[in-house]
N, C-alpha and C. Protein backbone atom coordinates (compact mmCIF):
# COMPACT_ATOMS: atom_id res chain seq x y z
N MET A 1 92.22 103.23 69.78
CA MET A 1 92.97 103.54 71.05
C MET A 1 92.31 102.69 72.10
N ASN A 2 93.27 102.11 72.89
CA ASN A 2 92.84 101.42 74.00
C ASN A 2 92.34 102.11 75.04
N LEU A 3 91.09 101.63 75.36
CA LEU A 3 90.16 102.83 76.56
C LEU A 3 91.24 102.85 77.94
N LEU A 4 91.65 101.46 78.14
CA LEU A 4 92.22 101.36 79.42
C LEU A 4 93.72 101.96 79.43
N SER A 5 94.40 102.40 78.43
CA SER A 5 95.94 102.80 78.40
C SER A 5 95.52 104.42 78.70
N ASN A 6 94.68 105.03 78.38
CA ASN A 6 94.48 106.38 79.03
C ASN A 6 94.11 106.45 80.40
N LYS A 7 95.00 107.42 81.27
CA LYS A 7 94.94 107.35 82.63
C LYS A 7 93.56 107.97 83.00
N SER A 8 93.30 109.10 82.75
CA SER A 8 91.93 109.66 82.75
C SER A 8 90.81 108.93 82.63
N ALA A 9 90.65 108.40 81.38
CA ALA A 9 89.78 107.20 81.14
C ALA A 9 89.64 106.05 82.11
N ARG A 10 91.01 105.60 82.40
CA ARG A 10 90.85 104.71 83.54
C ARG A 10 90.43 105.07 84.81
N THR A 11 90.68 106.15 85.30
CA THR A 11 90.41 106.99 86.39
C THR A 11 88.74 107.19 86.41
N ARG A 12 88.49 107.68 85.38
CA ARG A 12 87.05 108.01 85.43
C ARG A 12 86.10 106.65 85.40
N ILE A 13 86.55 105.35 84.87
CA ILE A 13 85.73 104.20 84.89
C ILE A 13 85.72 103.73 86.37
N ILE A 14 87.06 103.81 87.05
CA ILE A 14 87.06 103.43 88.21
C ILE A 14 86.02 104.34 89.30
N VAL A 15 86.09 105.47 89.07
CA VAL A 15 85.14 106.31 89.98
C VAL A 15 83.95 106.00 89.69
N SER A 16 83.61 105.75 88.32
CA SER A 16 82.07 105.74 88.04
C SER A 16 81.59 104.25 88.58
N LEU A 17 82.43 103.12 88.41
CA LEU A 17 81.98 101.84 88.97
C LEU A 17 82.11 102.01 90.63
N PHE A 18 82.73 102.78 91.14
CA PHE A 18 82.83 102.78 92.63
C PHE A 18 81.59 103.85 93.16
N LEU A 19 81.25 104.72 92.50
CA LEU A 19 79.98 105.18 92.54
C LEU A 19 78.62 104.73 92.35
N THR A 20 78.69 103.81 91.45
CA THR A 20 77.31 103.13 91.14
C THR A 20 77.26 101.90 91.70
N ALA A 21 78.47 101.44 92.32
CA ALA A 21 78.24 100.05 93.11
C ALA A 21 77.79 100.36 94.49
N ILE A 22 77.94 101.31 95.27
CA ILE A 22 77.68 101.74 96.40
C ILE A 22 76.27 102.41 96.58
N PRO A 23 75.35 101.68 97.33
CA PRO A 23 74.08 102.34 97.38
C PRO A 23 73.99 103.70 98.09
N ILE A 24 73.29 104.43 97.71
CA ILE A 24 73.21 105.66 98.60
C ILE A 24 72.47 105.37 99.82
N ARG A 25 73.25 105.64 100.87
CA ARG A 25 73.00 105.49 102.11
C ARG A 25 71.85 106.64 102.99
N ALA A 26 71.20 106.43 103.73
CA ALA A 26 70.56 107.41 104.43
C ALA A 26 71.46 108.16 105.49
N PHE A 27 72.16 109.08 105.28
CA PHE A 27 73.42 109.59 106.11
C PHE A 27 72.31 110.43 107.10
N ALA A 28 71.19 110.84 107.21
CA ALA A 28 70.59 111.51 108.14
C ALA A 28 70.23 110.86 109.31
N ALA A 29 70.45 109.58 109.36
CA ALA A 29 70.14 108.64 110.51
C ALA A 29 70.59 109.44 111.67
N SER A 30 69.57 109.10 112.89
CA SER A 30 69.97 109.95 114.08
C SER A 30 70.68 109.10 115.05
N LYS A 31 70.51 107.59 114.59
CA LYS A 31 70.84 106.59 115.66
C LYS A 31 72.22 106.32 115.21
N LEU A 32 73.13 106.30 116.14
CA LEU A 32 74.61 105.78 116.04
C LEU A 32 74.80 104.32 115.57
N ASN A 33 73.56 103.50 115.98
CA ASN A 33 73.61 102.19 115.66
C ASN A 33 73.48 102.20 114.11
N ASP A 34 72.48 102.80 113.81
CA ASP A 34 72.38 102.74 112.15
C ASP A 34 73.61 103.45 111.39
N ILE A 35 73.92 104.38 111.89
CA ILE A 35 75.30 104.93 111.34
C ILE A 35 76.49 103.80 110.99
N LEU A 36 76.52 103.21 112.37
CA LEU A 36 77.51 102.26 112.31
C LEU A 36 77.33 101.04 111.41
N THR A 37 76.18 100.81 111.44
CA THR A 37 75.94 99.67 110.71
C THR A 37 75.95 99.93 109.31
N ASN A 38 75.56 101.17 108.77
CA ASN A 38 75.80 101.58 107.20
C ASN A 38 77.14 101.61 106.93
N ILE A 39 78.18 102.34 107.66
CA ILE A 39 79.47 102.21 107.40
C ILE A 39 80.06 100.69 107.28
N THR A 40 79.50 99.91 108.22
CA THR A 40 80.20 98.50 107.97
C THR A 40 79.79 97.99 106.72
N ASP A 41 78.49 98.14 106.32
CA ASP A 41 77.82 97.52 105.14
C ASP A 41 78.50 98.09 103.93
N THR A 42 78.65 99.47 103.96
CA THR A 42 79.42 100.09 102.79
C THR A 42 80.79 99.46 102.75
N PHE A 43 81.57 99.23 103.85
CA PHE A 43 82.88 98.80 103.65
C PHE A 43 82.97 97.55 103.49
N ASN A 44 81.92 96.50 103.82
CA ASN A 44 82.04 95.14 103.19
C ASN A 44 81.63 95.01 101.72
N GLU A 45 80.76 95.91 101.20
CA GLU A 45 80.60 96.10 99.60
C GLU A 45 81.81 96.45 99.01
N ILE A 46 82.58 97.28 99.63
CA ILE A 46 83.84 98.05 98.97
C ILE A 46 84.80 96.82 98.91
N ILE A 47 84.77 96.02 99.95
CA ILE A 47 85.82 94.92 100.06
C ILE A 47 85.40 93.80 98.91
N GLY A 48 84.14 93.88 99.10
CA GLY A 48 83.67 92.60 97.99
C GLY A 48 83.94 92.90 96.65
N ILE A 49 83.95 94.44 96.29
CA ILE A 49 84.28 94.95 94.92
C ILE A 49 85.78 94.76 94.56
N LEU A 50 86.43 94.98 95.78
CA LEU A 50 87.98 94.87 95.25
C LEU A 50 88.18 93.33 95.40
N PHE A 51 87.67 92.69 95.97
CA PHE A 51 88.03 91.24 95.84
C PHE A 51 87.68 90.67 94.44
N ILE A 52 86.64 90.91 93.70
CA ILE A 52 86.23 90.83 92.52
C ILE A 52 87.45 91.39 91.67
N ILE A 53 87.79 92.49 91.76
CA ILE A 53 88.74 93.19 90.71
C ILE A 53 90.15 92.28 90.79
N ALA A 54 90.56 92.19 92.44
CA ALA A 54 91.60 91.26 92.34
C ALA A 54 91.66 89.78 91.77
N THR A 55 90.65 89.51 91.66
CA THR A 55 90.41 87.87 91.27
C THR A 55 90.60 88.21 89.70
N ILE A 56 89.75 88.92 88.95
CA ILE A 56 89.81 89.16 87.81
C ILE A 56 91.21 89.30 87.32
N ALA A 57 91.93 90.35 87.89
CA ALA A 57 93.38 90.66 87.74
C ALA A 57 94.30 89.32 87.61
N PHE A 58 94.03 88.49 88.70
CA PHE A 58 94.70 87.03 88.87
C PHE A 58 94.51 86.49 87.69
N PHE A 59 93.43 86.21 87.43
CA PHE A 59 92.95 85.01 86.33
C PHE A 59 93.50 85.65 84.98
N TRP A 60 93.09 86.81 85.00
CA TRP A 60 93.65 87.51 83.51
C TRP A 60 95.03 87.50 83.34
N GLY A 61 95.71 87.65 84.47
CA GLY A 61 97.51 87.20 84.36
C GLY A 61 97.73 85.71 84.13
N ILE A 62 96.79 84.92 84.31
CA ILE A 62 97.03 83.65 84.23
C ILE A 62 96.83 83.38 82.62
N ILE A 63 95.69 83.91 82.12
CA ILE A 63 95.44 83.91 80.76
C ILE A 63 96.24 84.25 80.08
N ARG A 64 96.49 85.96 80.34
CA ARG A 64 98.02 86.25 79.47
C ARG A 64 99.19 85.54 79.39
N TYR A 65 99.76 84.67 80.63
CA TYR A 65 100.77 83.86 80.72
C TYR A 65 100.64 82.83 79.79
N LEU A 66 99.50 82.02 79.93
CA LEU A 66 99.32 80.81 78.73
C LEU A 66 99.39 81.13 77.37
N ALA A 67 98.77 82.35 77.19
CA ALA A 67 98.72 82.90 76.05
C ALA A 67 100.08 83.51 75.21
N SER A 68 101.07 83.72 76.07
CA SER A 68 102.19 84.43 75.85
C SER A 68 103.18 83.50 75.08
N ALA A 69 103.37 82.15 74.93
CA ALA A 69 103.98 81.41 74.23
C ALA A 69 105.17 81.75 73.64
N GLY A 70 106.09 81.91 74.29
CA GLY A 70 107.59 82.35 73.70
C GLY A 70 108.05 83.76 73.97
N ASP A 71 107.08 84.76 74.10
CA ASP A 71 107.29 86.12 74.18
C ASP A 71 107.79 86.31 75.66
N GLU A 72 109.17 86.59 76.03
CA GLU A 72 109.36 86.61 77.36
C GLU A 72 109.06 87.99 77.95
N LYS A 73 108.83 88.98 77.18
CA LYS A 73 108.40 90.27 77.58
C LYS A 73 106.87 90.13 78.30
N ALA A 74 105.91 89.29 77.23
CA ALA A 74 104.76 89.02 77.68
C ALA A 74 104.53 88.25 78.89
N LYS A 75 105.37 87.15 78.76
CA LYS A 75 105.52 86.40 80.12
C LYS A 75 105.70 87.12 81.67
N LYS A 76 106.66 88.16 81.33
CA LYS A 76 107.06 89.03 82.63
C LYS A 76 105.86 89.89 82.97
N ASP A 77 105.23 90.54 82.04
CA ASP A 77 104.06 91.31 82.41
C ASP A 77 103.07 90.31 82.87
N ALA A 78 102.95 89.29 82.36
CA ALA A 78 101.91 88.50 82.82
C ALA A 78 102.18 87.82 84.51
N ARG A 79 103.25 87.50 84.65
CA ARG A 79 103.66 87.11 85.69
C ARG A 79 103.66 88.09 86.94
N ASN A 80 103.73 89.41 86.24
CA ASN A 80 103.91 90.69 87.20
C ASN A 80 102.23 91.09 87.50
N LEU A 81 101.27 90.68 86.70
CA LEU A 81 99.82 90.94 86.91
C LEU A 81 99.30 89.74 87.98
N ILE A 82 99.97 88.42 87.87
CA ILE A 82 99.40 87.38 88.61
C ILE A 82 99.96 87.84 90.22
N THR A 83 100.97 88.30 90.14
CA THR A 83 101.85 88.73 91.56
C THR A 83 101.03 89.86 92.15
N TRP A 84 100.49 90.75 91.21
CA TRP A 84 99.70 91.79 92.00
C TRP A 84 98.24 91.51 92.32
N GLY A 85 97.97 90.49 91.32
CA GLY A 85 96.53 89.80 91.84
C GLY A 85 96.64 89.30 93.21
N ILE A 86 97.57 88.46 93.40
CA ILE A 86 97.47 87.81 94.67
C ILE A 86 98.07 88.79 95.81
N ILE A 87 98.73 89.73 95.82
CA ILE A 87 98.96 90.74 96.59
C ILE A 87 97.59 91.38 96.75
N GLY A 88 96.80 91.65 95.82
CA GLY A 88 95.55 92.41 96.02
C GLY A 88 94.37 91.34 96.94
N LEU A 89 94.57 90.09 96.53
CA LEU A 89 93.70 89.14 97.13
C LEU A 89 94.17 89.22 98.82
N ALA A 90 95.39 89.19 98.83
CA ALA A 90 95.83 89.03 100.26
C ALA A 90 95.48 90.20 101.08
N VAL A 91 95.82 91.54 100.45
CA VAL A 91 95.47 92.69 101.08
C VAL A 91 93.97 92.81 101.51
N MET A 92 93.06 92.33 100.53
CA MET A 92 91.49 92.16 100.82
C MET A 92 91.16 91.35 101.75
N ALA A 93 91.60 90.19 101.90
CA ALA A 93 91.39 89.09 102.88
C ALA A 93 91.83 89.68 104.25
N SER A 94 93.05 90.51 104.38
CA SER A 94 93.60 90.93 105.56
C SER A 94 92.58 92.24 106.16
N ALA A 95 92.02 92.97 105.19
CA ALA A 95 91.33 94.17 105.41
C ALA A 95 89.89 93.76 105.86
N TRP A 96 89.59 92.65 105.15
CA TRP A 96 88.16 92.09 105.63
C TRP A 96 88.22 91.21 106.96
N GLY A 97 89.40 90.70 107.42
CA GLY A 97 89.43 90.03 108.61
C GLY A 97 89.66 91.09 109.75
N ILE A 98 90.32 91.98 109.42
CA ILE A 98 90.52 93.10 110.48
C ILE A 98 89.03 94.05 110.62
N ALA A 99 88.41 94.34 109.71
CA ALA A 99 87.07 94.61 109.81
C ALA A 99 86.05 93.89 110.64
N GLU A 100 86.24 92.14 110.56
CA GLU A 100 85.31 91.41 111.07
C GLU A 100 85.84 91.29 112.70
N ILE A 101 86.80 91.46 112.97
CA ILE A 101 87.57 91.29 114.04
C ILE A 101 86.94 92.77 114.81
N LEU A 102 87.03 93.85 114.31
CA LEU A 102 86.84 95.07 114.75
C LEU A 102 85.44 95.23 114.99
N ASP A 103 84.57 94.39 114.08
CA ASP A 103 83.05 94.37 114.14
C ASP A 103 82.67 93.67 115.52
N ALA A 104 83.33 92.60 115.47
CA ALA A 104 83.16 91.76 116.85
C ALA A 104 83.40 92.35 118.14
N TYR A 105 84.66 93.20 118.09
CA TYR A 105 85.07 93.86 119.36
C TYR A 105 84.20 94.70 119.57
N PHE A 106 83.61 95.64 118.79
CA PHE A 106 82.80 97.01 119.01
C PHE A 106 81.24 96.51 119.20
N LEU A 107 81.31 95.32 119.27
CA LEU A 107 79.79 94.74 118.90
C LEU A 107 78.81 95.63 118.08
N ILE A 108 79.43 95.77 116.89
CA ILE A 108 78.36 96.46 116.03
C ILE A 108 77.32 95.17 115.29
N PRO A 109 76.30 95.47 115.71
CA PRO A 109 75.45 96.68 116.00
C PRO A 109 74.81 96.82 117.19
N PHE A 110 75.89 96.61 118.22
CA PHE A 110 75.64 96.69 119.52
C PHE A 110 74.56 95.55 120.35
N GLY A 111 74.54 94.73 119.55
CA GLY A 111 73.54 93.49 120.10
C GLY A 111 72.03 94.00 120.47
N GLY A 112 71.61 94.94 119.50
CA GLY A 112 70.35 95.24 119.86
C GLY A 112 70.25 96.61 120.85
N ILE A 113 71.28 96.79 121.34
CA ILE A 113 71.03 98.23 122.22
C ILE A 113 71.06 99.38 121.25
N ARG A 114 70.06 100.32 121.43
CA ARG A 114 69.84 101.33 120.84
C ARG A 114 70.22 102.61 121.34
N LEU A 115 71.31 103.42 120.35
CA LEU A 115 71.96 104.36 120.95
C LEU A 115 71.70 105.47 120.32
N GLY A 116 71.72 106.89 120.82
CA GLY A 116 71.46 107.88 120.04
C GLY A 116 70.02 108.33 119.88
N TYR A 117 69.25 107.98 121.02
CA TYR A 117 67.96 108.48 120.90
C TYR A 117 67.59 110.05 121.35
């Protein structure tokens, strides 16, 4: 049985990858600066992981397209995977760009100003 064909198994794999890839943060930080920096770092890590997943999906679609030699359904599925990989890359690039703009606009980590003492 294909492990990724089962929806609950796929969900468990995604959740476990998500939880193991994000380091445990010290949420007991009393300084706003530290909290915002932790949120920014965590968001950047999530975006990086999703970039990797979208890139793998894109290249996997290319490999499947090249290997589908003559099978129209396989070509259609591969094109669909390539399309969703490109969409995923575009969404992740946009999210990363918006996060960087907000980061610069709100001056995280506040240019050395310590808040929350």
